[in-house]
Amino acid sequence: MAWISLVFAGLFETVGVLMINKFHKDRNAMSLLYMMAGFASSFLLLAFAMRTLPMGTAYAIWTGIGASGGALLGMVFYDEPREWIRILCIAVILSSAVGLKFIS
């Protein structure tokens, strides 16, 4: 259950990051509300996962999902560069998170 919570925490972190960009562009209450809800959900789920998982592992995976998700969604929604080296670096981050899962 902790691993599932951790994955969802990372996904909500990605939602929060996307909403930062949307709020920066739109400056409306809904963007702010979604941003706050994304980050609040992310922190709550991370805290739940850290009851069971080691702090270093949980934090590394949470930030890896958030960083990779933010970069990928930036490519999809905000036309950020899609160079092969960026995609390779994202793959390294995700494979490192999977590696931490296997040794924990």
N, C-alpha and C. Protein backbone atom coordinates (compact mmCIF):
# COMPACT_ATOMS: atom_id res chain seq x y z
N MET A 1 0.82 -1.20 0.00
CA MET A 1 0.00 0.00 0.00
C MET A 1 0.87 1.27 0.00
N ALA A 2 2.01 1.19 0.69
CA ALA A 2 2.89 2.35 0.74
C ALA A 2 3.44 2.71 -0.63
N TRP A 3 3.76 1.69 -1.43
CA TRP A 3 4.30 1.96 -2.76
C TRP A 3 3.25 2.60 -3.66
N ILE A 4 2.02 2.14 -3.54
CA ILE A 4 0.94 2.73 -4.34
C ILE A 4 0.74 4.19 -3.93
N SER A 5 0.75 4.44 -2.64
CA SER A 5 0.62 5.81 -2.15
C SER A 5 1.75 6.69 -2.66
N LEU A 6 2.95 6.13 -2.68
CA LEU A 6 4.11 6.89 -3.14
C LEU A 6 4.00 7.23 -4.62
N VAL A 7 3.55 6.29 -5.43
CA VAL A 7 3.37 6.57 -6.86
C VAL A 7 2.32 7.66 -7.06
N PHE A 8 1.21 7.57 -6.34
CA PHE A 8 0.19 8.60 -6.47
C PHE A 8 0.68 9.94 -5.93
N ALA A 9 1.51 9.92 -4.89
CA ALA A 9 2.10 11.17 -4.39
C ALA A 9 2.92 11.84 -5.48
N GLY A 10 3.71 11.05 -6.21
CA GLY A 10 4.49 11.60 -7.31
C GLY A 10 3.63 12.13 -8.43
N LEU A 11 2.53 11.43 -8.72
CA LEU A 11 1.62 11.90 -9.77
C LEU A 11 0.93 13.21 -9.37
N PHE A 12 0.52 13.31 -8.09
CA PHE A 12 -0.07 14.56 -7.63
C PHE A 12 0.96 15.69 -7.60
N GLU A 13 2.21 15.36 -7.36
CA GLU A 13 3.29 16.36 -7.43
C GLU A 13 3.37 16.92 -8.86
N THR A 14 3.24 16.03 -9.84
CA THR A 14 3.25 16.45 -11.23
C THR A 14 2.07 17.37 -11.54
N VAL A 15 0.90 17.02 -11.01
CA VAL A 15 -0.28 17.88 -11.19
C VAL A 15 -0.01 19.27 -10.60
N GLY A 16 0.57 19.30 -9.41
CA GLY A 16 0.89 20.58 -8.77
C GLY A 16 1.83 21.42 -9.62
N VAL A 17 2.84 20.78 -10.18
CA VAL A 17 3.79 21.50 -11.02
C VAL A 17 3.11 22.04 -12.28
N LEU A 18 2.26 21.22 -12.90
CA LEU A 18 1.53 21.70 -14.08
C LEU A 18 0.65 22.90 -13.73
N MET A 19 0.05 22.86 -12.56
CA MET A 19 -0.85 23.94 -12.16
C MET A 19 -0.08 25.22 -11.81
N ILE A 20 1.18 25.08 -11.40
CA ILE A 20 2.00 26.29 -11.20
C ILE A 20 2.10 27.03 -12.53
N ASN A 21 2.39 26.29 -13.59
CA ASN A 21 2.52 26.91 -14.91
C ASN A 21 1.19 27.49 -15.36
N LYS A 22 0.10 26.77 -15.15
CA LYS A 22 -1.22 27.26 -15.55
C LYS A 22 -1.60 28.50 -14.75
N PHE A 23 -1.32 28.49 -13.45
CA PHE A 23 -1.64 29.65 -12.62
C PHE A 23 -0.80 30.86 -13.04
N HIS A 24 0.44 30.61 -13.39
CA HIS A 24 1.31 31.70 -13.84
C HIS A 24 0.76 32.36 -15.10
N LYS A 25 0.15 31.58 -15.98
CA LYS A 25 -0.40 32.11 -17.22
C LYS A 25 -1.78 32.71 -17.03
N ASP A 26 -2.65 32.06 -16.26
CA ASP A 26 -4.06 32.46 -16.18
C ASP A 26 -4.40 33.36 -14.98
N ARG A 27 -3.76 33.12 -13.85
CA ARG A 27 -4.04 33.88 -12.61
C ARG A 27 -5.51 33.83 -12.22
N ASN A 28 -6.07 32.61 -12.21
CA ASN A 28 -7.45 32.49 -11.75
C ASN A 28 -7.52 31.58 -10.51
N ALA A 29 -8.64 31.64 -9.84
CA ALA A 29 -8.80 30.92 -8.57
C ALA A 29 -8.79 29.40 -8.77
N MET A 30 -9.32 28.93 -9.87
CA MET A 30 -9.36 27.48 -10.10
C MET A 30 -7.96 26.90 -10.27
N SER A 31 -7.10 27.60 -10.98
CA SER A 31 -5.73 27.13 -11.14
C SER A 31 -5.02 27.08 -9.79
N LEU A 32 -5.25 28.11 -8.98
CA LEU A 32 -4.65 28.14 -7.65
C LEU A 32 -5.20 27.02 -6.78
N LEU A 33 -6.48 26.77 -6.85
CA LEU A 33 -7.10 25.70 -6.07
C LEU A 33 -6.57 24.34 -6.49
N TYR A 34 -6.47 24.09 -7.79
CA TYR A 34 -5.93 22.82 -8.27
C TYR A 34 -4.47 22.65 -7.87
N MET A 35 -3.70 23.73 -7.93
CA MET A 35 -2.30 23.66 -7.54
C MET A 35 -2.18 23.29 -6.06
N MET A 36 -2.95 23.96 -5.22
CA MET A 36 -2.90 23.67 -3.79
C MET A 36 -3.38 22.25 -3.50
N ALA A 37 -4.42 21.81 -4.18
CA ALA A 37 -4.93 20.45 -3.97
C ALA A 37 -3.91 19.40 -4.42
N GLY A 38 -3.24 19.67 -5.53
CA GLY A 38 -2.22 18.74 -6.03
C GLY A 38 -1.08 18.59 -5.04
N PHE A 39 -0.56 19.70 -4.57
CA PHE A 39 0.56 19.63 -3.63
C PHE A 39 0.14 19.08 -2.27
N ALA A 40 -1.04 19.45 -1.79
CA ALA A 40 -1.51 18.93 -0.50
C ALA A 40 -1.70 17.41 -0.57
N SER A 41 -2.31 16.93 -1.64
CA SER A 41 -2.49 15.49 -1.81
C SER A 41 -1.15 14.78 -1.90
N SER A 42 -0.22 15.40 -2.61
CA SER A 42 1.10 14.83 -2.76
C SER A 42 1.80 14.68 -1.42
N PHE A 43 1.79 15.73 -0.61
CA PHE A 43 2.47 15.67 0.69
C PHE A 43 1.80 14.69 1.63
N LEU A 44 0.48 14.63 1.62
CA LEU A 44 -0.22 13.69 2.50
C LEU A 44 0.09 12.25 2.12
N LEU A 45 0.07 11.95 0.84
CA LEU A 45 0.38 10.59 0.40
C LEU A 45 1.84 10.25 0.64
N LEU A 46 2.73 11.21 0.48
CA LEU A 46 4.15 10.97 0.79
C LEU A 46 4.32 10.67 2.27
N ALA A 47 3.67 11.43 3.12
CA ALA A 47 3.76 11.20 4.56
C ALA A 47 3.24 9.81 4.92
N PHE A 48 2.15 9.39 4.28
CA PHE A 48 1.60 8.06 4.53
C PHE A 48 2.60 6.98 4.11
N ALA A 49 3.21 7.14 2.93
CA ALA A 49 4.17 6.16 2.44
C ALA A 49 5.40 6.08 3.34
N MET A 50 5.79 7.21 3.91
CA MET A 50 7.00 7.23 4.75
C MET A 50 6.78 6.59 6.11
N ARG A 51 5.56 6.22 6.44
CA ARG A 51 5.34 5.45 7.66
C ARG A 51 5.97 4.06 7.54
N THR A 52 6.04 3.56 6.32
CA THR A 52 6.55 2.22 6.06
C THR A 52 7.91 2.23 5.37
N LEU A 53 8.05 3.08 4.37
CA LEU A 53 9.27 3.10 3.55
C LEU A 53 10.34 3.99 4.17
N PRO A 54 11.60 3.67 3.91
CA PRO A 54 12.67 4.55 4.38
C PRO A 54 12.57 5.94 3.76
N MET A 55 12.89 6.96 4.54
CA MET A 55 12.76 8.34 4.08
C MET A 55 13.53 8.59 2.79
N GLY A 56 14.79 8.15 2.71
CA GLY A 56 15.61 8.42 1.53
C GLY A 56 15.04 7.80 0.27
N THR A 57 14.57 6.58 0.38
CA THR A 57 13.98 5.89 -0.77
C THR A 57 12.69 6.58 -1.19
N ALA A 58 11.82 6.84 -0.23
CA ALA A 58 10.53 7.48 -0.54
C ALA A 58 10.73 8.85 -1.18
N TYR A 59 11.62 9.64 -0.62
CA TYR A 59 11.84 10.98 -1.15
C TYR A 59 12.45 10.93 -2.56
N ALA A 60 13.41 10.03 -2.78
CA ALA A 60 14.05 9.92 -4.09
C ALA A 60 13.03 9.51 -5.15
N ILE A 61 12.18 8.57 -4.83
CA ILE A 61 11.19 8.13 -5.81
C ILE A 61 10.15 9.21 -6.05
N TRP A 62 9.71 9.86 -4.99
CA TRP A 62 8.71 10.94 -5.10
C TRP A 62 9.24 12.06 -6.00
N THR A 63 10.46 12.50 -5.75
CA THR A 63 11.02 13.57 -6.57
C THR A 63 11.30 13.10 -7.99
N GLY A 64 11.68 11.84 -8.16
CA GLY A 64 11.92 11.30 -9.50
C GLY A 64 10.66 11.27 -10.34
N ILE A 65 9.57 10.83 -9.73
CA ILE A 65 8.29 10.82 -10.46
C ILE A 65 7.86 12.25 -10.78
N GLY A 66 7.99 13.14 -9.80
CA GLY A 66 7.59 14.53 -10.03
C GLY A 66 8.42 15.22 -11.10
N ALA A 67 9.73 15.02 -11.04
CA ALA A 67 10.61 15.66 -12.03
C ALA A 67 10.41 15.08 -13.42
N SER A 68 10.34 13.76 -13.51
CA SER A 68 10.13 13.12 -14.81
C SER A 68 8.76 13.46 -15.38
N GLY A 69 7.75 13.40 -14.52
CA GLY A 69 6.40 13.74 -14.98
C GLY A 69 6.30 15.18 -15.44
N GLY A 70 6.91 16.09 -14.70
CA GLY A 70 6.90 17.49 -15.10
C GLY A 70 7.59 17.72 -16.43
N ALA A 71 8.72 17.05 -16.62
CA ALA A 71 9.45 17.20 -17.89
C ALA A 71 8.66 16.61 -19.05
N LEU A 72 8.09 15.41 -18.84
CA LEU A 72 7.32 14.79 -19.92
C LEU A 72 6.07 15.59 -20.27
N LEU A 73 5.35 16.03 -19.26
CA LEU A 73 4.14 16.80 -19.53
C LEU A 73 4.46 18.17 -20.11
N GLY A 74 5.62 18.72 -19.76
CA GLY A 74 6.06 19.96 -20.39
C GLY A 74 6.30 19.77 -21.88
N MET A 75 6.82 18.61 -22.25
CA MET A 75 7.01 18.30 -23.67
C MET A 75 5.67 18.15 -24.39
N VAL A 76 4.72 17.51 -23.70
CA VAL A 76 3.43 17.23 -24.32
C VAL A 76 2.55 18.48 -24.41
N PHE A 77 2.42 19.21 -23.30
CA PHE A 77 1.46 20.31 -23.24
C PHE A 77 2.05 21.69 -23.53
N TYR A 78 3.33 21.88 -23.29
CA TYR A 78 3.92 23.21 -23.40
C TYR A 78 5.01 23.30 -24.46
N ASP A 79 5.06 22.31 -25.33
CA ASP A 79 5.96 22.33 -26.48
C ASP A 79 7.42 22.54 -26.10
N GLU A 80 7.82 21.95 -24.98
CA GLU A 80 9.24 22.01 -24.60
C GLU A 80 10.03 21.07 -25.50
N PRO A 81 11.34 21.26 -25.60
CA PRO A 81 12.15 20.45 -26.51
C PRO A 81 12.01 18.95 -26.24
N ARG A 82 11.99 18.17 -27.33
CA ARG A 82 11.85 16.72 -27.25
C ARG A 82 13.11 16.03 -27.75
N GLU A 83 14.25 16.53 -27.37
CA GLU A 83 15.51 15.96 -27.84
C GLU A 83 15.73 14.59 -27.20
N TRP A 84 16.43 13.73 -27.91
CA TRP A 84 16.64 12.36 -27.43
C TRP A 84 17.41 12.33 -26.13
N ILE A 85 18.31 13.28 -25.92
CA ILE A 85 19.11 13.28 -24.69
C ILE A 85 18.24 13.60 -23.47
N ARG A 86 17.25 14.46 -23.65
CA ARG A 86 16.30 14.75 -22.56
C ARG A 86 15.51 13.50 -22.20
N ILE A 87 15.05 12.81 -23.21
CA ILE A 87 14.27 11.59 -22.97
C ILE A 87 15.15 10.52 -22.33
N LEU A 88 16.40 10.42 -22.74
CA LEU A 88 17.33 9.48 -22.12
C LEU A 88 17.54 9.81 -20.63
N CYS A 89 17.70 11.08 -20.32
CA CYS A 89 17.89 11.48 -18.92
C CYS A 89 16.65 11.17 -18.08
N ILE A 90 15.47 11.38 -18.65
CA ILE A 90 14.23 11.03 -17.94
C ILE A 90 14.18 9.53 -17.71
N ALA A 91 14.58 8.74 -18.69
CA ALA A 91 14.60 7.29 -18.54
C ALA A 91 15.58 6.86 -17.44
N VAL A 92 16.71 7.54 -17.33
CA VAL A 92 17.67 7.23 -16.27
C VAL A 92 17.06 7.52 -14.90
N ILE A 93 16.37 8.64 -14.77
CA ILE A 93 15.71 8.98 -13.50
C ILE A 93 14.70 7.90 -13.13
N LEU A 94 13.85 7.53 -14.07
CA LEU A 94 12.83 6.52 -13.79
C LEU A 94 13.43 5.15 -13.50
N SER A 95 14.47 4.78 -14.23
CA SER A 95 15.10 3.48 -13.96
C SER A 95 15.79 3.48 -12.60
N SER A 96 16.30 4.61 -12.18
CA SER A 96 16.89 4.71 -10.84
C SER A 96 15.82 4.52 -9.76
N ALA A 97 14.65 5.09 -9.98
CA ALA A 97 13.56 4.91 -9.03
C ALA A 97 13.13 3.45 -8.96
N VAL A 98 13.06 2.79 -10.10
CA VAL A 98 12.72 1.37 -10.11
C VAL A 98 13.79 0.56 -9.39
N GLY A 99 15.04 0.92 -9.60
CA GLY A 99 16.15 0.24 -8.91
C GLY A 99 16.03 0.39 -7.40
N LEU A 100 15.67 1.57 -6.93
CA LEU A 100 15.48 1.77 -5.49
C LEU A 100 14.35 0.90 -4.95
N LYS A 101 13.32 0.71 -5.74
CA LYS A 101 12.20 -0.12 -5.33
C LYS A 101 12.67 -1.58 -5.14
N PHE A 102 13.51 -2.04 -6.06
CA PHE A 102 13.95 -3.43 -5.99
C PHE A 102 14.91 -3.71 -4.83
N ILE A 103 15.67 -2.71 -4.40
CA ILE A 103 16.59 -2.96 -3.30
C ILE A 103 16.01 -2.60 -1.94
N SER A 104 14.80 -2.02 -1.92
CA SER A 104 14.17 -1.65 -0.65
C SER A 104 13.29 -2.76 -0.12
